[in-house]
Amino acid sequence: MPNLCFPRFTPSFFLRLVTEVREIEDTVHKLRERLMEAENTLQTLVKTKVALEHDLSIKANSLFLDQEKCMGMRKSFPSTPRLVGYT
């Protein structure tokens, strides 16, 4: 009479339970793969950001040197039209 007390514990119930566990394991596996892909993408983005920040720093320094250090010297030279004789 134990089957009368627990009628839901049938072979088909256990089969569905095993199937559900396998589906969950498959989903967990796929999610772990996607997490690895996302972490790799993040690592690539961080490296790209560092490289872009470095390039930006170099360009900002170049602009500073051009505007603050070289502009004064360039202003003291005659212009190209003047050198060619148009003015």
Protein backbone atom coordinates (compact mmCIF):
# COMPACT_ATOMS: atom_id res chain seq x y z
CA MET A 1 0.00 0.00 0.00
CA PRO A 2 2.92 2.46 -0.05
CA ASN A 3 1.95 3.48 -3.58
CA LEU A 4 -1.37 4.71 -2.28
CA CYS A 5 0.36 7.07 0.13
CA PHE A 6 2.67 8.53 -2.52
CA PRO A 7 0.91 8.19 -5.86
CA ARG A 8 3.06 10.85 -7.57
CA PHE A 9 6.30 8.90 -7.15
CA THR A 10 5.85 6.82 -10.27
CA PRO A 11 8.50 5.83 -12.82
CA SER A 12 7.26 8.54 -15.18
CA PHE A 13 7.67 11.12 -12.40
CA PHE A 14 11.29 10.08 -11.88
CA LEU A 15 11.89 10.09 -15.64
CA ARG A 16 10.58 13.67 -15.87
CA LEU A 17 12.72 14.61 -12.89
CA VAL A 18 15.86 13.15 -14.50
CA THR A 19 15.03 14.92 -17.77
CA GLU A 20 14.60 18.22 -15.95
CA VAL A 21 17.92 17.79 -14.14
CA ARG A 22 19.66 17.15 -17.47
CA GLU A 23 18.05 20.25 -18.98
CA ILE A 24 19.21 22.31 -16.01
CA GLU A 25 22.75 20.93 -16.32
CA ASP A 26 22.74 21.75 -20.03
CA THR A 27 21.51 25.27 -19.32
CA VAL A 28 24.20 25.77 -16.66
CA HIS A 29 26.85 24.56 -19.12
CA LYS A 30 25.63 26.99 -21.80
CA LEU A 31 25.50 29.84 -19.30
CA ARG A 32 29.08 29.12 -18.19
CA GLU A 33 30.21 29.20 -21.82
CA ARG A 34 28.44 32.53 -22.35
CA LEU A 35 30.02 33.86 -19.15
CA MET A 36 33.48 32.90 -20.42
CA GLU A 37 32.76 34.63 -23.74
CA ALA A 38 31.55 37.75 -21.91
CA GLU A 39 34.64 37.78 -19.68
CA ASN A 40 36.91 37.43 -22.73
CA THR A 41 35.06 40.28 -24.45
CA LEU A 42 35.40 42.42 -21.33
CA GLN A 43 39.13 41.71 -21.18
CA THR A 44 39.49 42.73 -24.83
CA LEU A 45 37.50 45.92 -24.23
CA VAL A 46 39.64 46.83 -21.21
CA LYS A 47 42.83 46.35 -23.26
CA THR A 48 41.38 48.47 -26.07
CA LYS A 49 40.39 51.19 -23.58
CA VAL A 50 43.91 51.27 -22.12
CA ALA A 51 45.42 51.54 -25.61
CA LEU A 52 43.01 54.34 -26.59
CA GLU A 53 43.70 56.24 -23.38
CA HIS A 54 47.44 55.94 -24.07
CA ASP A 55 46.98 57.21 -27.64
CA LEU A 56 44.81 60.07 -26.39
CA SER A 57 47.44 61.03 -23.83
CA ILE A 58 50.13 61.12 -26.52
CA LYS A 59 47.95 63.25 -28.80
CA ALA A 60 47.03 65.64 -25.99
CA ASN A 61 50.73 66.05 -25.17
CA SER A 62 51.51 66.63 -28.85
CA LEU A 63 48.84 69.34 -29.05
CA PHE A 64 50.18 70.96 -25.90
CA LEU A 65 53.72 70.99 -27.30
CA ASP A 66 52.49 72.39 -30.61
CA GLN A 67 50.33 75.13 -29.09
CA GLU A 68 52.48 76.13 -26.13
CA LYS A 69 56.02 75.50 -27.32
CA CYS A 70 55.98 75.77 -31.11
CA MET A 71 53.25 78.34 -31.82
CA GLY A 72 55.39 81.19 -30.55
CA MET A 73 58.24 80.27 -32.88
CA ARG A 74 55.91 79.86 -35.86
CA LYS A 75 54.38 83.29 -35.28
CA SER A 76 57.82 84.88 -35.59
CA PHE A 77 58.43 83.36 -39.04
CA PRO A 78 57.03 85.13 -42.09
CA SER A 79 53.98 83.58 -43.72
CA THR A 80 54.23 81.47 -46.88
CA PRO A 81 52.59 84.12 -49.13
CA ARG A 82 55.03 86.70 -47.81
CA LEU A 83 57.98 84.40 -48.47
CA VAL A 84 56.77 83.80 -52.01
CA GLY A 85 56.41 87.53 -52.53
CA TYR A 86 52.64 88.01 -52.74
CA THR A 87 52.44 90.49 -49.89
